[in-house]
Amino acid sequence: MKRAEDFDGIYLHREPVDFRMWVNGLSSIVEGEMKLDPFSRSLFVFTNRNRTRLKILYWDQTGYAVWFKRLEKDKFPWPRKFTDEVIKIRPRELNWLLEGYEYWRLKPHSVVEYACVS
């Protein structure tokens, strides 16, 4: 993935989405619900209902790319009030979100250390 600073906009979809949804469904949400251009030089950020997973959709001139992150513990900070407004954030706020900081509280995710996968 390119650096967040390389994009013109970073937009959060306020409501959780069904994470079985992939490129076609997510790009439809961008165009239909968010009223944004899914082919723009922007990142579109989605979360699941439990806020333990995150998908970032973007167009890279040759096709769509999706970046996925799953938390093993804790939840992603997410705006609580659902309105029709689209939330535009800055690259540093996206980095804070990925690191687990609520920029209004500045509390990080707990560090998780495992010895094996299964």
N, C-alpha and C. Protein backbone atom coordinates (compact mmCIF):
# COMPACT_ATOMS: atom_id res chain seq x y z
N MET A 1 0.84 -1.17 0.00
CA MET A 1 0.00 0.00 0.00
C MET A 1 0.89 1.23 0.00
N LYS A 2 0.48 2.23 -0.70
CA LYS A 2 1.17 3.51 -0.68
C LYS A 2 1.04 4.12 0.71
N ARG A 3 1.79 5.17 0.93
CA ARG A 3 1.66 5.88 2.19
C ARG A 3 0.35 6.67 2.20
N ALA A 4 -0.23 6.83 3.35
CA ALA A 4 -1.50 7.57 3.47
C ALA A 4 -1.35 8.99 2.94
N GLU A 5 -0.17 9.57 3.08
CA GLU A 5 0.09 10.92 2.61
C GLU A 5 0.01 11.05 1.10
N ASP A 6 0.09 9.93 0.38
CA ASP A 6 0.04 9.94 -1.09
C ASP A 6 -1.38 10.09 -1.64
N PHE A 7 -2.38 10.04 -0.76
CA PHE A 7 -3.77 10.12 -1.20
C PHE A 7 -4.35 11.50 -0.95
N ASP A 8 -5.34 11.86 -1.77
CA ASP A 8 -5.97 13.17 -1.66
C ASP A 8 -6.96 13.25 -0.49
N GLY A 9 -7.53 12.13 -0.11
CA GLY A 9 -8.50 12.11 0.98
C GLY A 9 -8.55 10.75 1.64
N ILE A 10 -8.93 10.75 2.91
CA ILE A 10 -9.12 9.52 3.68
C ILE A 10 -10.48 9.65 4.34
N TYR A 11 -11.38 8.72 4.03
CA TYR A 11 -12.76 8.84 4.48
C TYR A 11 -13.18 7.61 5.27
N LEU A 12 -13.82 7.84 6.42
CA LEU A 12 -14.37 6.75 7.23
C LEU A 12 -15.84 6.58 6.91
N HIS A 13 -16.26 5.34 6.71
CA HIS A 13 -17.69 5.03 6.61
C HIS A 13 -18.16 4.82 8.04
N ARG A 14 -19.10 5.63 8.48
CA ARG A 14 -19.48 5.63 9.90
C ARG A 14 -20.10 4.32 10.37
N GLU A 15 -20.99 3.76 9.59
CA GLU A 15 -21.69 2.55 10.05
C GLU A 15 -20.88 1.30 9.73
N PRO A 16 -20.99 0.28 10.57
CA PRO A 16 -20.27 -0.98 10.29
C PRO A 16 -20.82 -1.64 9.03
N VAL A 17 -19.97 -2.43 8.37
CA VAL A 17 -20.39 -3.15 7.17
C VAL A 17 -20.20 -4.64 7.38
N ASP A 18 -20.92 -5.42 6.58
CA ASP A 18 -20.79 -6.87 6.56
C ASP A 18 -19.42 -7.20 5.95
N PHE A 19 -18.55 -7.86 6.69
CA PHE A 19 -17.20 -8.08 6.21
C PHE A 19 -17.07 -9.22 5.21
N ARG A 20 -18.18 -9.84 4.85
CA ARG A 20 -18.16 -10.76 3.71
C ARG A 20 -18.13 -9.95 2.42
N MET A 21 -18.47 -8.67 2.53
CA MET A 21 -18.47 -7.76 1.39
C MET A 21 -17.04 -7.51 0.94
N TRP A 22 -16.85 -7.44 -0.36
CA TRP A 22 -15.51 -7.22 -0.90
C TRP A 22 -15.55 -6.01 -1.82
N VAL A 23 -14.72 -5.97 -2.83
CA VAL A 23 -14.52 -4.78 -3.67
C VAL A 23 -15.82 -4.24 -4.27
N ASN A 24 -16.62 -5.08 -4.89
CA ASN A 24 -17.85 -4.59 -5.52
C ASN A 24 -18.80 -3.95 -4.52
N GLY A 25 -18.99 -4.60 -3.39
CA GLY A 25 -19.89 -4.07 -2.37
C GLY A 25 -19.35 -2.81 -1.72
N LEU A 26 -18.06 -2.81 -1.40
CA LEU A 26 -17.46 -1.64 -0.76
C LEU A 26 -17.45 -0.43 -1.68
N SER A 27 -17.11 -0.64 -2.95
CA SER A 27 -17.10 0.48 -3.90
C SER A 27 -18.51 1.00 -4.14
N SER A 28 -19.51 0.12 -4.08
CA SER A 28 -20.91 0.56 -4.19
C SER A 28 -21.30 1.44 -3.01
N ILE A 29 -20.83 1.11 -1.81
CA ILE A 29 -21.10 1.94 -0.64
C ILE A 29 -20.46 3.32 -0.81
N VAL A 30 -19.21 3.33 -1.30
CA VAL A 30 -18.52 4.61 -1.51
C VAL A 30 -19.33 5.50 -2.44
N GLU A 31 -19.78 4.91 -3.54
CA GLU A 31 -20.50 5.69 -4.54
C GLU A 31 -21.94 6.01 -4.10
N GLY A 32 -22.65 5.02 -3.60
CA GLY A 32 -24.06 5.19 -3.28
C GLY A 32 -24.35 5.88 -1.96
N GLU A 33 -23.73 5.40 -0.88
CA GLU A 33 -24.01 5.94 0.45
C GLU A 33 -23.13 7.14 0.81
N MET A 34 -21.84 7.04 0.48
CA MET A 34 -20.92 8.10 0.86
C MET A 34 -20.92 9.24 -0.15
N LYS A 35 -21.48 8.98 -1.33
CA LYS A 35 -21.55 9.99 -2.41
C LYS A 35 -20.17 10.49 -2.80
N LEU A 36 -19.20 9.56 -2.87
CA LEU A 36 -17.84 9.89 -3.26
C LEU A 36 -17.45 9.06 -4.48
N ASP A 37 -16.40 9.45 -5.14
CA ASP A 37 -15.93 8.77 -6.34
C ASP A 37 -15.00 7.62 -5.94
N PRO A 38 -15.41 6.36 -6.15
CA PRO A 38 -14.56 5.24 -5.74
C PRO A 38 -13.29 5.10 -6.58
N PHE A 39 -13.19 5.87 -7.68
CA PHE A 39 -11.99 5.84 -8.53
C PHE A 39 -11.05 7.01 -8.22
N SER A 40 -11.37 7.80 -7.21
CA SER A 40 -10.52 8.95 -6.86
C SER A 40 -9.26 8.47 -6.16
N ARG A 41 -8.35 9.38 -5.95
CA ARG A 41 -7.10 9.07 -5.24
C ARG A 41 -7.34 9.18 -3.74
N SER A 42 -8.26 8.35 -3.23
CA SER A 42 -8.66 8.41 -1.82
C SER A 42 -8.65 7.02 -1.19
N LEU A 43 -8.56 7.01 0.11
CA LEU A 43 -8.71 5.78 0.90
C LEU A 43 -10.09 5.80 1.54
N PHE A 44 -10.74 4.64 1.53
CA PHE A 44 -12.07 4.51 2.13
C PHE A 44 -11.97 3.42 3.20
N VAL A 45 -12.26 3.81 4.44
CA VAL A 45 -12.02 2.94 5.59
C VAL A 45 -13.36 2.44 6.14
N PHE A 46 -13.42 1.12 6.35
CA PHE A 46 -14.63 0.45 6.84
C PHE A 46 -14.27 -0.41 8.04
N THR A 47 -15.25 -0.61 8.93
CA THR A 47 -15.06 -1.51 10.07
C THR A 47 -16.26 -2.45 10.16
N ASN A 48 -16.07 -3.55 10.90
CA ASN A 48 -17.18 -4.47 11.16
C ASN A 48 -17.94 -4.03 12.41
N ARG A 49 -19.03 -4.70 12.70
CA ARG A 49 -19.89 -4.32 13.83
C ARG A 49 -19.13 -4.34 15.16
N ASN A 50 -18.26 -5.32 15.36
CA ASN A 50 -17.51 -5.43 16.62
C ASN A 50 -16.30 -4.51 16.68
N ARG A 51 -15.98 -3.86 15.58
CA ARG A 51 -14.83 -2.95 15.46
C ARG A 51 -13.51 -3.67 15.74
N THR A 52 -13.44 -4.95 15.39
CA THR A 52 -12.21 -5.72 15.54
C THR A 52 -11.49 -5.90 14.20
N ARG A 53 -12.14 -5.50 13.13
CA ARG A 53 -11.56 -5.64 11.79
C ARG A 53 -11.71 -4.33 11.03
N LEU A 54 -10.77 -4.12 10.13
CA LEU A 54 -10.75 -2.90 9.35
C LEU A 54 -10.40 -3.24 7.91
N LYS A 55 -11.10 -2.63 6.96
CA LYS A 55 -10.76 -2.74 5.54
C LYS A 55 -10.57 -1.34 4.99
N ILE A 56 -9.54 -1.21 4.18
CA ILE A 56 -9.27 0.05 3.50
C ILE A 56 -9.27 -0.24 2.00
N LEU A 57 -10.15 0.44 1.30
CA LEU A 57 -10.31 0.26 -0.15
C LEU A 57 -9.70 1.45 -0.86
N TYR A 58 -8.99 1.18 -1.96
CA TYR A 58 -8.51 2.27 -2.81
C TYR A 58 -8.31 1.78 -4.24
N TRP A 59 -8.35 2.72 -5.16
CA TRP A 59 -8.13 2.48 -6.58
C TRP A 59 -6.70 2.87 -6.89
N ASP A 60 -5.93 1.97 -7.54
CA ASP A 60 -4.53 2.28 -7.81
C ASP A 60 -4.23 2.44 -9.30
N GLN A 61 -5.18 2.86 -10.09
CA GLN A 61 -5.09 3.13 -11.53
C GLN A 61 -5.17 1.87 -12.39
N THR A 62 -4.94 0.71 -11.83
CA THR A 62 -5.06 -0.53 -12.61
C THR A 62 -6.10 -1.47 -12.02
N GLY A 63 -6.62 -1.12 -10.86
CA GLY A 63 -7.62 -1.95 -10.21
C GLY A 63 -7.74 -1.56 -8.75
N TYR A 64 -8.68 -2.18 -8.09
CA TYR A 64 -8.89 -1.92 -6.67
C TYR A 64 -7.91 -2.72 -5.83
N ALA A 65 -7.58 -2.17 -4.69
CA ALA A 65 -6.79 -2.87 -3.69
C ALA A 65 -7.53 -2.76 -2.37
N VAL A 66 -7.43 -3.79 -1.55
CA VAL A 66 -8.05 -3.78 -0.23
C VAL A 66 -6.98 -4.18 0.78
N TRP A 67 -6.87 -3.36 1.80
CA TRP A 67 -5.96 -3.64 2.90
C TRP A 67 -6.84 -4.06 4.08
N PHE A 68 -6.44 -5.12 4.78
CA PHE A 68 -7.26 -5.70 5.85
C PHE A 68 -6.43 -5.82 7.12
N LYS A 69 -7.04 -5.48 8.25
CA LYS A 69 -6.39 -5.68 9.54
C LYS A 69 -7.40 -6.26 10.52
N ARG A 70 -6.97 -7.29 11.25
CA ARG A 70 -7.80 -7.91 12.28
C ARG A 70 -7.08 -7.79 13.62
N LEU A 71 -7.77 -7.27 14.61
CA LEU A 71 -7.20 -7.18 15.95
C LEU A 71 -7.49 -8.46 16.72
N GLU A 72 -6.52 -8.91 17.46
CA GLU A 72 -6.68 -10.10 18.29
C GLU A 72 -7.25 -9.75 19.66
N LYS A 73 -7.09 -8.50 20.05
CA LYS A 73 -7.58 -8.03 21.33
C LYS A 73 -7.89 -6.55 21.15
N ASP A 74 -8.82 -6.02 21.88
CA ASP A 74 -9.22 -4.62 21.79
C ASP A 74 -10.08 -4.37 20.56
N LYS A 75 -10.44 -3.12 20.37
CA LYS A 75 -11.29 -2.70 19.26
C LYS A 75 -10.73 -1.43 18.66
N PHE A 76 -11.07 -1.19 17.41
CA PHE A 76 -10.68 0.06 16.79
C PHE A 76 -11.55 1.19 17.34
N PRO A 77 -10.96 2.31 17.65
CA PRO A 77 -11.78 3.46 18.03
C PRO A 77 -12.60 3.88 16.82
N TRP A 78 -13.83 4.24 17.02
CA TRP A 78 -14.70 4.59 15.89
C TRP A 78 -15.72 5.62 16.36
N PRO A 79 -16.08 6.54 15.52
CA PRO A 79 -17.09 7.54 15.91
C PRO A 79 -18.38 6.86 16.36
N ARG A 80 -18.91 7.28 17.47
CA ARG A 80 -20.11 6.65 18.04
C ARG A 80 -21.39 7.16 17.41
N LYS A 81 -21.45 8.42 17.08
CA LYS A 81 -22.68 9.00 16.57
C LYS A 81 -22.79 8.74 15.07
N PHE A 82 -23.83 8.03 14.67
CA PHE A 82 -24.04 7.73 13.26
C PHE A 82 -24.91 8.80 12.64
N THR A 83 -24.39 9.49 11.67
CA THR A 83 -25.14 10.48 10.90
C THR A 83 -24.87 10.20 9.44
N ASP A 84 -25.49 10.97 8.58
CA ASP A 84 -25.26 10.81 7.14
C ASP A 84 -23.94 11.43 6.70
N GLU A 85 -23.28 12.15 7.59
CA GLU A 85 -22.04 12.81 7.24
C GLU A 85 -20.93 11.79 7.02
N VAL A 86 -20.04 12.12 6.09
CA VAL A 86 -18.84 11.32 5.86
C VAL A 86 -17.73 11.97 6.67
N ILE A 87 -16.92 11.16 7.31
CA ILE A 87 -15.82 11.69 8.11
C ILE A 87 -14.55 11.67 7.29
N LYS A 88 -13.95 12.82 7.13
CA LYS A 88 -12.66 12.91 6.45
C LYS A 88 -11.60 13.09 7.52
N ILE A 89 -10.56 12.25 7.45
CA ILE A 89 -9.48 12.34 8.42
C ILE A 89 -8.16 12.60 7.70
N ARG A 90 -7.17 12.98 8.47
CA ARG A 90 -5.84 13.24 7.93
C ARG A 90 -4.99 11.98 8.04
N PRO A 91 -3.89 11.91 7.28
CA PRO A 91 -3.02 10.72 7.35
C PRO A 91 -2.56 10.38 8.76
N ARG A 92 -2.19 11.37 9.55
CA ARG A 92 -1.73 11.05 10.91
C ARG A 92 -2.85 10.49 11.76
N GLU A 93 -4.10 10.91 11.52
CA GLU A 93 -5.23 10.36 12.26
C GLU A 93 -5.50 8.91 11.86
N LEU A 94 -5.27 8.58 10.57
CA LEU A 94 -5.39 7.18 10.14
C LEU A 94 -4.33 6.35 10.84
N ASN A 95 -3.12 6.85 10.92
CA ASN A 95 -2.06 6.11 11.63
C ASN A 95 -2.42 5.91 13.09
N TRP A 96 -2.97 6.94 13.71
CA TRP A 96 -3.41 6.81 15.10
C TRP A 96 -4.50 5.74 15.21
N LEU A 97 -5.45 5.74 14.29
CA LEU A 97 -6.53 4.75 14.28
C LEU A 97 -5.94 3.34 14.18
N LEU A 98 -4.99 3.14 13.27
CA LEU A 98 -4.37 1.82 13.08
C LEU A 98 -3.57 1.39 14.31
N GLU A 99 -3.02 2.36 15.03
CA GLU A 99 -2.26 2.05 16.24
C GLU A 99 -3.16 1.92 17.46
N GLY A 100 -4.45 2.23 17.30
CA GLY A 100 -5.39 2.05 18.39
C GLY A 100 -5.65 3.28 19.22
N TYR A 101 -5.18 4.43 18.78
CA TYR A 101 -5.41 5.64 19.56
C TYR A 101 -6.72 6.31 19.17
N GLU A 102 -7.50 6.63 20.17
CA GLU A 102 -8.63 7.51 19.95
C GLU A 102 -8.06 8.90 20.15
N TYR A 103 -7.99 9.69 19.10
CA TYR A 103 -7.30 10.95 19.24
C TYR A 103 -7.99 11.89 20.21
N TRP A 104 -9.18 11.54 20.67
CA TRP A 104 -9.80 12.33 21.72
C TRP A 104 -9.48 11.76 23.10
N ARG A 105 -8.89 10.56 23.17
CA ARG A 105 -8.51 9.96 24.45
C ARG A 105 -7.05 9.56 24.51
N LEU A 106 -6.44 9.28 23.37
CA LEU A 106 -5.03 8.87 23.26
C LEU A 106 -4.70 7.64 24.12
N LYS A 107 -5.51 6.58 23.95
CA LYS A 107 -5.27 5.33 24.66
C LYS A 107 -4.99 4.24 23.62
N PRO A 108 -3.79 3.63 23.62
CA PRO A 108 -3.44 2.63 22.60
C PRO A 108 -4.05 1.25 22.89
N HIS A 109 -4.01 0.38 21.87
CA HIS A 109 -4.40 -1.02 22.05
C HIS A 109 -3.39 -1.70 22.97
N SER A 110 -3.80 -2.75 23.62
CA SER A 110 -2.89 -3.56 24.41
C SER A 110 -1.99 -4.36 23.48
N VAL A 111 -0.73 -4.53 23.86
CA VAL A 111 0.20 -5.34 23.07
C VAL A 111 -0.13 -6.80 23.31
N VAL A 112 -0.20 -7.59 22.22
CA VAL A 112 -0.52 -9.01 22.31
C VAL A 112 0.71 -9.80 21.88
N GLU A 113 1.14 -10.74 22.71
CA GLU A 113 2.30 -11.57 22.37
C GLU A 113 1.90 -13.03 22.48
N TYR A 114 2.11 -13.77 21.39
CA TYR A 114 1.81 -15.20 21.36
C TYR A 114 3.09 -15.99 21.13
N ALA A 115 3.08 -17.26 21.56
CA ALA A 115 4.24 -18.12 21.36
C ALA A 115 4.07 -19.00 20.13
N CYS A 116 2.80 -19.29 19.73
CA CYS A 116 2.54 -20.09 18.54
C CYS A 116 1.19 -19.71 17.93
N VAL A 117 0.96 -20.16 16.71
CA VAL A 117 -0.25 -19.81 15.99
C VAL A 117 -1.45 -20.61 16.45
N SER A 118 -1.28 -21.90 16.70
CA SER A 118 -2.43 -22.72 17.08
C SER A 118 -2.27 -23.38 18.42
